[in-house]
Amino acid sequence: MVHAYILIQTEVGKASTVAEVISRMTGIIQAEDVTGPYDVIVRAEATSVDELGRLVVAEVQQVPGITRTLTCPVVHL
């Protein structure tokens, strides 16, 4: 399994709605609205890096209100 954090910036006032919509997607472990430079932080899992990429590009980035995402795969050193 590949795990990643997806850091999301949203339009003003959209963080809560974005987090709620994303939290219902398959492959999403947790989605929370936060304060700071990012508005929503998501924990996701996929069977491969390619599947993770499809989740981010085809599903997460299509949610209305998102302006930017940064995907941070978890590594085990």
N, C-alpha and C. Protein backbone atom coordinates (compact mmCIF):
# COMPACT_ATOMS: atom_id res chain seq x y z
N MET A 1 0.83 -1.19 0.00
CA MET A 1 0.00 0.00 0.00
C MET A 1 0.88 1.25 0.00
N VAL A 2 0.44 2.24 -0.72
CA VAL A 2 1.07 3.55 -0.75
C VAL A 2 0.17 4.51 0.05
N HIS A 3 0.77 5.21 1.00
CA HIS A 3 0.04 6.21 1.78
C HIS A 3 0.60 7.58 1.44
N ALA A 4 -0.26 8.59 1.52
CA ALA A 4 0.19 9.95 1.24
C ALA A 4 -0.67 10.95 2.00
N TYR A 5 -0.07 12.10 2.23
CA TYR A 5 -0.81 13.26 2.71
C TYR A 5 -1.03 14.17 1.51
N ILE A 6 -2.23 14.67 1.37
CA ILE A 6 -2.54 15.62 0.31
C ILE A 6 -2.88 16.94 1.00
N LEU A 7 -2.05 17.95 0.74
CA LEU A 7 -2.24 19.27 1.32
C LEU A 7 -3.01 20.10 0.31
N ILE A 8 -4.09 20.71 0.75
CA ILE A 8 -5.01 21.37 -0.19
C ILE A 8 -5.24 22.82 0.21
N GLN A 9 -5.17 23.69 -0.78
CA GLN A 9 -5.58 25.07 -0.61
C GLN A 9 -6.93 25.23 -1.30
N THR A 10 -7.82 25.99 -0.66
CA THR A 10 -9.17 26.16 -1.20
C THR A 10 -9.50 27.64 -1.36
N GLU A 11 -10.59 27.88 -2.04
CA GLU A 11 -11.14 29.24 -2.07
C GLU A 11 -11.60 29.59 -0.66
N VAL A 12 -11.66 30.87 -0.37
CA VAL A 12 -12.08 31.34 0.95
C VAL A 12 -13.46 30.79 1.29
N GLY A 13 -13.56 30.21 2.49
CA GLY A 13 -14.84 29.70 2.97
C GLY A 13 -15.24 28.33 2.46
N LYS A 14 -14.37 27.66 1.70
CA LYS A 14 -14.73 26.37 1.10
C LYS A 14 -14.08 25.16 1.79
N ALA A 15 -13.21 25.38 2.76
CA ALA A 15 -12.44 24.28 3.35
C ALA A 15 -13.34 23.18 3.93
N SER A 16 -14.33 23.55 4.69
CA SER A 16 -15.19 22.56 5.34
C SER A 16 -15.94 21.71 4.31
N THR A 17 -16.47 22.34 3.29
CA THR A 17 -17.19 21.61 2.23
C THR A 17 -16.26 20.70 1.46
N VAL A 18 -15.07 21.19 1.12
CA VAL A 18 -14.09 20.39 0.40
C VAL A 18 -13.71 19.16 1.22
N ALA A 19 -13.42 19.34 2.50
CA ALA A 19 -13.04 18.22 3.37
C ALA A 19 -14.17 17.19 3.45
N GLU A 20 -15.39 17.65 3.55
CA GLU A 20 -16.54 16.75 3.65
C GLU A 20 -16.70 15.92 2.37
N VAL A 21 -16.60 16.55 1.22
CA VAL A 21 -16.74 15.84 -0.06
C VAL A 21 -15.62 14.82 -0.24
N ILE A 22 -14.39 15.22 0.05
CA ILE A 22 -13.24 14.33 -0.14
C ILE A 22 -13.30 13.16 0.83
N SER A 23 -13.77 13.37 2.04
CA SER A 23 -13.80 12.31 3.05
C SER A 23 -14.67 11.12 2.62
N ARG A 24 -15.58 11.32 1.68
CA ARG A 24 -16.46 10.24 1.21
C ARG A 24 -15.87 9.45 0.05
N MET A 25 -14.71 9.84 -0.44
CA MET A 25 -14.11 9.16 -1.60
C MET A 25 -13.41 7.87 -1.19
N THR A 26 -13.46 6.90 -2.07
CA THR A 26 -12.74 5.64 -1.85
C THR A 26 -11.25 5.92 -1.86
N GLY A 27 -10.54 5.38 -0.88
CA GLY A 27 -9.10 5.58 -0.79
C GLY A 27 -8.71 6.69 0.16
N ILE A 28 -9.69 7.41 0.68
CA ILE A 28 -9.41 8.49 1.62
C ILE A 28 -9.60 7.95 3.04
N ILE A 29 -8.56 8.07 3.83
CA ILE A 29 -8.61 7.61 5.22
C ILE A 29 -9.20 8.70 6.11
N GLN A 30 -8.76 9.95 5.87
CA GLN A 30 -9.20 11.06 6.71
C GLN A 30 -9.04 12.36 5.94
N ALA A 31 -9.94 13.29 6.14
CA ALA A 31 -9.86 14.62 5.55
C ALA A 31 -10.32 15.63 6.59
N GLU A 32 -9.46 16.57 6.91
CA GLU A 32 -9.80 17.55 7.94
C GLU A 32 -9.47 18.95 7.47
N ASP A 33 -10.32 19.92 7.81
CA ASP A 33 -9.99 21.30 7.54
C ASP A 33 -9.12 21.80 8.69
N VAL A 34 -8.11 22.57 8.35
CA VAL A 34 -7.10 23.02 9.30
C VAL A 34 -6.82 24.51 9.08
N THR A 35 -6.02 25.10 9.97
CA THR A 35 -5.57 26.47 9.78
C THR A 35 -4.11 26.45 9.35
N GLY A 36 -3.66 27.52 8.75
CA GLY A 36 -2.27 27.62 8.30
C GLY A 36 -2.22 27.83 6.80
N PRO A 37 -1.08 27.52 6.19
CA PRO A 37 -0.93 27.76 4.75
C PRO A 37 -1.81 26.86 3.89
N TYR A 38 -2.25 25.75 4.44
CA TYR A 38 -3.16 24.85 3.74
C TYR A 38 -4.49 24.85 4.48
N ASP A 39 -5.55 24.57 3.75
CA ASP A 39 -6.89 24.63 4.33
C ASP A 39 -7.46 23.26 4.69
N VAL A 40 -7.01 22.23 3.97
CA VAL A 40 -7.47 20.85 4.21
C VAL A 40 -6.25 19.94 4.11
N ILE A 41 -6.15 18.99 5.03
CA ILE A 41 -5.12 17.96 4.95
C ILE A 41 -5.82 16.62 4.89
N VAL A 42 -5.42 15.82 3.90
CA VAL A 42 -6.05 14.53 3.63
C VAL A 42 -5.02 13.42 3.78
N ARG A 43 -5.42 12.32 4.37
CA ARG A 43 -4.59 11.11 4.42
C ARG A 43 -5.24 10.13 3.45
N ALA A 44 -4.47 9.64 2.47
CA ALA A 44 -5.00 8.76 1.44
C ALA A 44 -4.16 7.50 1.35
N GLU A 45 -4.77 6.45 0.78
CA GLU A 45 -4.05 5.20 0.53
C GLU A 45 -4.45 4.66 -0.83
N ALA A 46 -3.51 3.97 -1.46
CA ALA A 46 -3.75 3.37 -2.77
C ALA A 46 -2.85 2.15 -2.89
N THR A 47 -3.15 1.30 -3.85
CA THR A 47 -2.35 0.09 -4.02
C THR A 47 -1.05 0.36 -4.76
N SER A 48 -0.96 1.49 -5.47
CA SER A 48 0.27 1.83 -6.20
C SER A 48 0.38 3.34 -6.34
N VAL A 49 1.55 3.79 -6.73
CA VAL A 49 1.75 5.23 -6.97
C VAL A 49 0.86 5.70 -8.11
N ASP A 50 0.71 4.86 -9.14
CA ASP A 50 -0.16 5.22 -10.26
C ASP A 50 -1.60 5.39 -9.81
N GLU A 51 -2.08 4.48 -8.97
CA GLU A 51 -3.45 4.59 -8.46
C GLU A 51 -3.60 5.84 -7.60
N LEU A 52 -2.59 6.15 -6.80
CA LEU A 52 -2.61 7.36 -6.00
C LEU A 52 -2.71 8.59 -6.91
N GLY A 53 -1.94 8.61 -7.97
CA GLY A 53 -1.98 9.71 -8.92
C GLY A 53 -3.35 9.88 -9.55
N ARG A 54 -3.98 8.76 -9.91
CA ARG A 54 -5.33 8.83 -10.48
C ARG A 54 -6.33 9.37 -9.46
N LEU A 55 -6.19 8.94 -8.20
CA LEU A 55 -7.08 9.43 -7.14
C LEU A 55 -6.95 10.95 -7.01
N VAL A 56 -5.73 11.44 -7.00
CA VAL A 56 -5.51 12.88 -6.83
C VAL A 56 -6.00 13.66 -8.04
N VAL A 57 -5.59 13.25 -9.23
CA VAL A 57 -5.89 14.03 -10.44
C VAL A 57 -7.34 13.87 -10.88
N ALA A 58 -7.85 12.64 -10.90
CA ALA A 58 -9.19 12.39 -11.45
C ALA A 58 -10.31 12.63 -10.45
N GLU A 59 -10.00 12.59 -9.16
CA GLU A 59 -11.07 12.74 -8.18
C GLU A 59 -10.88 13.95 -7.28
N VAL A 60 -9.79 13.97 -6.51
CA VAL A 60 -9.60 15.04 -5.53
C VAL A 60 -9.55 16.41 -6.21
N GLN A 61 -8.73 16.56 -7.24
CA GLN A 61 -8.57 17.87 -7.86
C GLN A 61 -9.83 18.34 -8.60
N GLN A 62 -10.78 17.48 -8.78
CA GLN A 62 -12.02 17.86 -9.46
C GLN A 62 -13.07 18.44 -8.52
N VAL A 63 -12.80 18.41 -7.22
CA VAL A 63 -13.76 18.94 -6.24
C VAL A 63 -13.82 20.46 -6.37
N PRO A 64 -15.02 21.01 -6.53
CA PRO A 64 -15.15 22.47 -6.63
C PRO A 64 -14.62 23.17 -5.38
N GLY A 65 -13.92 24.27 -5.57
CA GLY A 65 -13.39 25.04 -4.45
C GLY A 65 -11.92 24.84 -4.20
N ILE A 66 -11.30 23.82 -4.80
CA ILE A 66 -9.88 23.58 -4.62
C ILE A 66 -9.09 24.46 -5.59
N THR A 67 -8.06 25.11 -5.06
CA THR A 67 -7.21 25.94 -5.91
C THR A 67 -5.84 25.32 -6.14
N ARG A 68 -5.35 24.49 -5.20
CA ARG A 68 -4.03 23.88 -5.35
C ARG A 68 -3.91 22.67 -4.44
N THR A 69 -3.17 21.65 -4.91
CA THR A 69 -2.88 20.49 -4.08
C THR A 69 -1.38 20.21 -4.09
N LEU A 70 -0.92 19.59 -3.02
CA LEU A 70 0.45 19.13 -2.92
C LEU A 70 0.40 17.74 -2.31
N THR A 71 0.84 16.74 -3.06
CA THR A 71 0.77 15.35 -2.60
C THR A 71 2.12 14.92 -2.04
N CYS A 72 2.11 14.41 -0.82
CA CYS A 72 3.34 14.02 -0.11
C CYS A 72 3.27 12.53 0.24
N PRO A 73 3.85 11.65 -0.61
CA PRO A 73 3.83 10.22 -0.28
C PRO A 73 4.64 9.93 0.98
N VAL A 74 4.16 9.00 1.76
CA VAL A 74 4.85 8.59 2.99
C VAL A 74 5.96 7.62 2.60
N VAL A 75 7.15 7.83 3.15
CA VAL A 75 8.26 6.91 2.91
C VAL A 75 8.69 6.30 4.23
N HIS A 76 9.21 5.09 4.15
CA HIS A 76 9.71 4.39 5.33
C HIS A 76 11.21 4.18 5.15
N LEU A 77 12.02 4.96 5.85
CA LEU A 77 13.47 4.89 5.69
C LEU A 77 14.08 3.95 6.71
